[in-house]
Amino acid sequence: MALSAMLPMASTPEQMVVHTAEWALLIVIVFGVFAFDLLSHVRKPHEPSMKESASYLALYCFLACVLGTYLWWRHGSTFGLEYFSVWGVEYSLSLDNIFVFIIIMGAFDVPKKLQQKVLFWGIVIALVLRFVFILLGKVIVSSLAWSFFIFGAFLLVTALSQIREGLRGEEDEDTSIADNFLVRIARNVFHVAEDYHGDKQVVKLQGKHHVTPLFLCIIAIGGIDLMFALDSIPASFGFTTEPFIIFAANAFALMGLRQMFFLVEGLLEKLVYLHFGLAAILGFIGLKLIFEAAHHYGYAEGFFSFNSLQSLLVIVVIVVITVISSFIASRVKSRKNALPDREQ
């Protein structure tokens, strides 16, 4: 029997009709991918090679594109474009996550071979938290149309903070972010071992159970992603209000986050305009949300509005400009530093 015959009436351009079987299949795929990750290579502590990271990242991107193609075919081009837009935005914003993850790893002095496990469980925590945020966001935007004004304003404020970070230049590594509220709670509730004990998160010392620094680092990364979700989830609602699309795009973006960490860890310092690029993305989405809310209340009649394809193209252009300009600036700086100091 054809898949289309098993599902109910397809979505209309105005409303996405998601069958329970599609939700179930998505959850099974996400759970299956994370289980495969854990059993195949995360369980055994090791530092992944560039080839391994690139291969798995390519696989997860392929799976994400397969899902996007299915949504396009089954539910129409509008929802397909919304999915790819949210997925692309989440990948772009994840670069900032990676920068903070590097700081947290350094603060806890995590051995290279254990970093995969820390990232894996941190991402699992992040996915659960984001799912809760997505459901809450859906309830809010469904009952309160003016909430888009709040989401938009919040993203504009976040964009300004990114600009300030960019103008500050090279950032001092603020290791205080590794001691967020979840870590402080864990320190107060559990006995904490001073040293790592392999890849164990809990050990028994002097007759008492202790959590290891590995456990605290996982909690720190999960807690910091809770803060990042305050940006990324409203940004997702800037493209769609469909929880299925937002969750699917976030899940597939998070799948590749661990591999991206090992691939771009050494390249982040070359992305000198990263904060400005993120500010442009967040600012664009913030304004988009505000104008959509204004249109809803009849305050912005006659103003141009971006459709899904145009919004996706704007994000792509911002990312391309950010990457190219950053590498050009880094190359120019490297050449200047290579020149002999004639004043000496």
Protein backbone atom coordinates (compact mmCIF):
# COMPACT_ATOMS: atom_id res chain seq x y z
CA MET A 1 0.00 0.00 0.00
CA ALA A 2 1.36 3.43 -0.90
CA LEU A 3 2.43 5.71 1.95
CA SER A 4 0.09 8.47 0.74
CA ALA A 5 -2.87 6.08 1.06
CA MET A 6 -2.00 5.32 4.69
CA LEU A 7 -2.01 8.99 5.70
CA PRO A 8 -4.96 11.37 5.99
CA MET A 9 -5.66 14.30 3.71
CA ALA A 10 -2.48 16.24 2.97
CA SER A 11 -1.85 19.70 4.37
CA THR A 12 -3.28 22.82 2.82
CA PRO A 13 -1.04 25.87 2.19
CA GLU A 14 -2.55 27.46 5.32
CA GLN A 15 -2.51 24.49 7.68
CA MET A 16 -0.17 21.55 8.18
CA VAL A 17 -1.94 18.29 8.98
CA VAL A 18 0.53 15.97 10.71
CA HIS A 19 -0.57 12.38 11.20
CA THR A 20 0.24 10.57 14.44
CA ALA A 21 2.26 8.07 12.39
CA GLU A 22 4.53 10.90 11.21
CA TRP A 23 5.19 12.03 14.78
CA ALA A 24 5.86 8.43 15.80
CA LEU A 25 8.21 7.87 12.86
CA LEU A 26 10.10 11.09 13.59
CA ILE A 27 10.59 10.14 17.24
CA VAL A 28 11.72 6.63 16.28
CA ILE A 29 14.24 8.04 13.77
CA VAL A 30 15.62 10.58 16.26
CA PHE A 31 15.83 7.97 19.03
CA GLY A 32 17.38 5.48 16.61
CA VAL A 33 20.05 7.92 15.44
CA PHE A 34 21.07 8.82 18.99
CA ALA A 35 21.07 5.14 20.00
CA PHE A 36 23.25 4.34 16.98
CA ASP A 37 25.58 7.18 17.94
CA LEU A 38 25.89 5.93 21.50
CA LEU A 39 26.39 2.25 20.70
CA SER A 40 28.61 2.62 17.64
CA HIS A 41 31.28 5.11 18.69
CA VAL A 42 30.35 7.38 21.64
CA ARG A 43 30.34 4.54 24.17
CA LYS A 44 34.03 3.85 23.56
CA PRO A 45 36.04 6.94 24.63
CA HIS A 46 38.19 8.23 21.78
CA GLU A 47 39.05 11.44 19.97
CA PRO A 48 37.22 11.35 16.61
CA SER A 49 39.22 11.98 13.47
CA MET A 50 38.30 14.65 10.94
CA LYS A 51 37.23 11.89 8.54
CA GLU A 52 34.92 10.30 11.10
CA SER A 53 33.35 13.63 12.05
CA ALA A 54 32.88 14.70 8.43
CA SER A 55 31.36 11.35 7.47
CA TYR A 56 28.78 11.37 10.24
CA LEU A 57 27.97 15.05 9.67
CA ALA A 58 27.36 14.32 5.98
CA LEU A 59 25.11 11.40 6.95
CA TYR A 60 23.01 13.52 9.31
CA CYS A 61 22.73 16.33 6.76
CA PHE A 62 21.59 13.77 4.19
CA LEU A 63 18.92 12.43 6.57
CA ALA A 64 17.78 15.99 7.30
CA CYS A 65 17.46 16.70 3.57
CA VAL A 66 15.52 13.46 3.07
CA LEU A 67 13.04 14.57 5.73
CA GLY A 68 12.80 18.03 4.16
CA THR A 69 12.15 16.49 0.75
CA TYR A 70 9.41 14.31 2.24
CA LEU A 71 7.76 17.31 3.89
CA TRP A 72 7.92 19.19 0.59
CA TRP A 73 6.32 16.26 -1.25
CA ARG A 74 3.72 15.37 1.37
CA HIS A 75 2.78 18.76 2.82
CA GLY A 76 3.71 21.21 0.08
CA SER A 77 6.54 23.58 -0.81
CA THR A 78 5.59 26.15 1.85
CA PHE A 79 6.15 23.76 4.74
CA GLY A 80 9.18 22.22 3.05
CA LEU A 81 10.80 25.65 2.78
CA GLU A 82 9.88 26.45 6.38
CA TYR A 83 11.63 23.28 7.52
CA PHE A 84 14.82 24.02 5.56
CA SER A 85 14.77 27.63 6.83
CA VAL A 86 14.52 26.59 10.48
CA TRP A 87 17.14 23.87 9.99
CA GLY A 88 19.54 26.35 8.39
CA VAL A 89 19.00 28.96 11.10
CA GLU A 90 19.59 26.41 13.85
CA TYR A 91 22.85 25.31 12.22
CA SER A 92 23.97 28.95 11.96
CA LEU A 93 23.14 29.71 15.58
CA SER A 94 24.87 26.50 16.69
CA LEU A 95 28.25 28.06 15.87
CA ASP A 96 27.79 30.27 18.92
CA ASN A 97 26.90 27.16 20.96
CA ILE A 98 30.16 25.54 19.88
CA PHE A 99 32.19 28.57 20.95
CA VAL A 100 30.69 28.37 24.45
CA PHE A 101 31.09 24.57 24.54
CA ILE A 102 34.82 25.05 23.94
CA ILE A 103 35.01 27.42 26.92
CA ILE A 104 33.10 24.98 29.16
CA MET A 105 35.30 22.05 28.09
CA GLY A 106 38.37 24.11 28.93
CA ALA A 107 36.97 25.18 32.30
CA PHE A 108 36.39 21.54 33.29
CA ASP A 109 39.64 20.43 31.64
CA VAL A 110 37.83 17.59 29.85
CA PRO A 111 40.22 15.05 28.26
CA LYS A 112 39.94 14.97 24.47
CA LYS A 113 38.82 11.35 24.40
CA LEU A 114 35.86 12.13 26.71
CA GLN A 115 34.59 15.20 24.88
CA GLN A 116 32.37 13.14 22.58
CA LYS A 117 30.47 11.68 25.52
CA VAL A 118 30.05 15.08 27.16
CA LEU A 119 28.65 16.56 23.95
CA PHE A 120 26.40 13.57 23.31
CA TRP A 121 24.61 13.66 26.66
CA GLY A 122 24.58 17.46 26.69
CA ILE A 123 22.82 17.42 23.31
CA VAL A 124 20.30 14.81 24.52
CA ILE A 125 19.44 17.09 27.46
CA ALA A 126 19.22 20.04 25.05
CA LEU A 127 16.80 18.21 22.76
CA VAL A 128 14.45 17.35 25.64
CA LEU A 129 14.52 20.93 26.91
CA ARG A 130 13.89 22.33 23.44
CA PHE A 131 10.92 20.02 22.93
CA VAL A 132 9.36 21.45 26.10
CA PHE A 133 10.13 25.01 24.92
CA ILE A 134 8.58 24.30 21.51
CA LEU A 135 5.33 23.06 23.07
CA LEU A 136 5.19 26.08 25.38
CA GLY A 137 5.92 28.40 22.45
CA LYS A 138 3.14 26.83 20.40
CA VAL A 139 0.64 27.35 23.23
CA ILE A 140 1.71 30.98 23.61
CA VAL A 141 1.61 31.94 19.92
CA SER A 142 -1.67 30.09 19.37
CA SER A 143 -3.49 31.94 22.15
CA LEU A 144 -1.64 35.27 22.14
CA ALA A 145 -0.93 36.72 18.69
CA TRP A 146 0.78 39.72 20.27
CA SER A 147 3.44 37.39 21.70
CA PHE A 148 5.23 37.78 18.35
CA PHE A 149 5.97 41.38 19.39
CA ILE A 150 7.65 40.02 22.54
CA PHE A 151 9.59 37.32 20.67
CA GLY A 152 10.68 39.83 18.03
CA ALA A 153 11.81 42.41 20.57
CA PHE A 154 13.74 39.75 22.49
CA LEU A 155 15.57 38.69 19.33
CA LEU A 156 16.44 42.32 18.54
CA VAL A 157 17.90 42.74 22.03
CA THR A 158 19.88 39.53 21.55
CA ALA A 159 21.11 40.82 18.18
CA LEU A 160 22.39 43.98 19.87
CA SER A 161 24.23 41.89 22.45
CA GLN A 162 25.88 39.94 19.61
CA ILE A 163 27.00 43.24 18.05
CA ARG A 164 28.51 44.30 21.38
CA GLU A 165 30.39 40.99 21.57
CA GLY A 166 31.68 41.54 18.04
CA LEU A 167 32.82 45.11 18.77
CA ARG A 168 34.58 43.91 21.90
CA GLY A 169 36.99 41.99 19.69
CA GLU A 170 38.72 38.93 21.06
CA GLU A 171 36.71 37.78 24.01
CA ASP A 172 38.16 36.84 27.34
CA GLU A 173 37.18 33.29 28.11
CA ASP A 174 34.55 33.77 30.80
CA THR A 175 34.68 30.43 32.57
CA SER A 176 31.85 31.51 34.92
CA ILE A 177 29.40 30.23 32.29
CA ALA A 178 30.57 26.73 33.24
CA ASP A 179 29.15 27.28 36.74
CA ASN A 180 25.52 27.90 35.76
CA PHE A 181 22.55 27.34 38.07
CA LEU A 182 22.20 23.62 37.23
CA VAL A 183 25.85 23.00 38.09
CA ARG A 184 25.50 24.91 41.37
CA ILE A 185 22.45 22.80 42.27
CA ALA A 186 24.38 19.61 41.45
CA ARG A 187 27.31 20.71 43.63
CA ASN A 188 24.95 21.35 46.54
CA VAL A 189 23.03 18.09 46.15
CA PHE A 190 25.82 15.61 45.34
CA HIS A 191 29.29 14.83 46.61
CA VAL A 192 31.72 15.83 43.86
CA ALA A 193 34.92 13.92 43.07
CA GLU A 194 37.97 16.06 42.37
CA ASP A 195 39.35 13.98 39.50
CA TYR A 196 38.06 12.19 36.42
CA HIS A 197 37.53 8.44 36.69
CA GLY A 198 37.59 7.39 33.06
CA ASP A 199 34.20 7.95 31.44
CA LYS A 200 32.27 7.30 34.66
CA GLN A 201 29.80 9.92 35.80
CA VAL A 202 29.26 8.44 39.28
CA VAL A 203 31.87 6.70 41.44
CA LYS A 204 31.97 5.36 44.99
CA LEU A 205 34.70 6.92 47.13
CA GLN A 206 35.20 6.30 50.85
CA GLY A 207 31.83 4.57 51.03
CA LYS A 208 29.93 7.46 49.44
CA HIS A 209 28.72 8.01 45.90
CA HIS A 210 30.30 10.99 44.15
CA VAL A 211 29.56 12.58 40.79
CA THR A 212 32.62 13.24 38.65
CA PRO A 213 33.62 16.43 36.81
CA LEU A 214 32.36 14.66 33.66
CA PHE A 215 28.83 14.70 35.09
CA LEU A 216 29.10 18.39 36.02
CA CYS A 217 30.34 19.28 32.54
CA ILE A 218 27.38 17.49 30.94
CA ILE A 219 25.03 19.42 33.25
CA ALA A 220 26.81 22.68 32.38
CA ILE A 221 26.38 22.13 28.64
CA GLY A 222 22.73 21.16 29.10
CA GLY A 223 22.15 24.27 31.20
CA ILE A 224 23.83 26.62 28.75
CA ASP A 225 21.75 25.20 25.92
CA LEU A 226 18.66 26.07 27.94
CA MET A 227 19.81 29.69 27.62
CA PHE A 228 20.51 29.29 23.90
CA ALA A 229 17.02 27.87 23.43
CA LEU A 230 15.64 31.24 24.52
CA ASP A 231 17.11 32.60 21.27
CA SER A 232 16.75 29.68 18.89
CA ILE A 233 13.14 28.68 19.61
CA PRO A 234 11.70 32.21 19.09
CA ALA A 235 13.87 32.40 15.96
CA SER A 236 12.27 29.17 14.72
CA PHE A 237 8.80 30.62 15.30
CA GLY A 238 9.87 33.45 13.02
CA PHE A 239 9.54 31.00 10.12
CA THR A 240 6.73 28.69 11.20
CA THR A 241 4.34 27.97 14.05
CA GLU A 242 4.24 24.25 13.30
CA PRO A 243 5.76 22.31 16.26
CA PHE A 244 6.49 19.28 14.05
CA ILE A 245 8.68 21.34 11.72
CA ILE A 246 10.44 23.17 14.56
CA PHE A 247 11.16 19.99 16.54
CA ALA A 248 12.31 18.06 13.46
CA ALA A 249 14.62 20.88 12.33
CA ASN A 250 16.06 21.31 15.84
CA ALA A 251 16.56 17.56 16.25
CA PHE A 252 18.44 17.17 12.97
CA ALA A 253 20.51 20.31 13.63
CA LEU A 254 21.48 19.00 17.08
CA MET A 255 22.39 15.61 15.60
CA GLY A 256 25.26 17.17 13.69
CA LEU A 257 26.32 19.58 16.44
CA ARG A 258 28.78 17.12 18.01
CA GLN A 259 30.51 16.46 14.68
CA MET A 260 30.58 20.19 13.91
CA PHE A 261 32.34 20.79 17.22
CA PHE A 262 35.32 18.68 16.20
CA LEU A 263 35.35 19.99 12.61
CA VAL A 264 35.18 23.72 13.27
CA GLU A 265 36.81 23.90 16.71
CA GLY A 266 40.01 25.23 15.17
CA LEU A 267 38.24 27.41 12.60
CA LEU A 268 36.07 29.47 14.93
CA GLU A 269 38.86 31.92 15.63
CA LYS A 270 38.92 32.67 11.90
CA LEU A 271 35.22 33.59 11.88
CA VAL A 272 35.99 37.09 13.14
CA TYR A 273 32.62 38.44 12.00
CA LEU A 274 30.59 35.58 13.46
CA HIS A 275 28.85 37.76 16.03
CA PHE A 276 27.87 40.32 13.39
CA GLY A 277 26.49 37.56 11.17
CA LEU A 278 24.46 36.09 14.03
CA ALA A 279 23.25 39.60 14.89
CA ALA A 280 22.06 40.08 11.31
CA ILE A 281 20.20 36.75 11.35
CA LEU A 282 18.57 37.38 14.73
CA GLY A 283 17.76 40.98 13.80
CA PHE A 284 16.15 39.92 10.53
CA ILE A 285 14.01 37.27 12.23
CA GLY A 286 13.11 39.66 15.05
CA LEU A 287 11.88 42.30 12.60
CA LYS A 288 10.06 39.61 10.63
CA LEU A 289 8.18 38.53 13.76
CA ILE A 290 7.27 42.10 14.67
CA PHE A 291 6.00 42.89 11.16
CA GLU A 292 3.99 39.66 11.05
CA ALA A 293 2.32 40.61 14.34
CA ALA A 294 1.73 44.14 13.02
CA HIS A 295 0.14 42.70 9.86
CA HIS A 296 -2.12 40.56 12.02
CA TYR A 297 -3.45 43.63 13.82
CA GLY A 298 -3.63 45.72 10.64
CA TYR A 299 -0.80 48.09 11.59
CA ALA A 300 1.55 47.30 8.69
CA GLU A 301 -0.68 47.26 5.65
CA GLY A 302 1.31 47.89 2.48
CA PHE A 303 4.64 46.88 4.03
CA PHE A 304 6.66 44.22 2.22
CA SER A 305 6.66 40.80 3.89
CA PHE A 306 9.08 37.93 3.25
CA ASN A 307 7.76 34.54 2.23
CA SER A 308 9.51 31.28 3.15
CA LEU A 309 11.79 31.17 0.10
CA GLN A 310 12.82 34.81 0.42
CA SER A 311 13.54 34.36 4.13
CA LEU A 312 15.68 31.29 3.45
CA LEU A 313 17.65 33.19 0.78
CA VAL A 314 18.27 36.07 3.20
CA ILE A 315 19.70 33.66 5.79
CA VAL A 316 21.91 31.96 3.18
CA VAL A 317 23.24 35.31 1.93
CA ILE A 318 24.04 36.45 5.48
CA VAL A 319 25.90 33.21 6.25
CA VAL A 320 27.89 33.33 2.99
CA ILE A 321 28.85 36.99 3.47
CA THR A 322 29.85 36.33 7.10
CA VAL A 323 32.06 33.35 6.24
CA ILE A 324 33.75 34.93 3.20
CA SER A 325 34.38 38.30 4.85
CA SER A 326 35.68 36.58 8.01
CA PHE A 327 38.20 34.44 6.14
CA ILE A 328 39.36 37.42 4.07
CA ALA A 329 39.86 39.49 7.23
CA SER A 330 41.68 36.61 8.96
CA ARG A 331 43.95 36.14 5.95
CA VAL A 332 44.79 39.86 5.81
CA LYS A 333 45.53 39.85 9.54
CA SER A 334 47.78 36.79 9.19
CA ARG A 335 49.75 38.45 6.41
CA LYS A 336 50.22 41.60 8.48
CA ASN A 337 51.43 39.57 11.45
CA ALA A 338 53.86 37.71 9.19
CA LEU A 339 55.52 40.93 8.05
CA PRO A 340 58.65 41.94 9.97
CA ASP A 341 58.16 44.77 12.43
CA ARG A 342 60.04 47.58 10.67
CA GLU A 343 59.81 49.86 13.65
CA GLN A 344 62.09 47.65 15.70
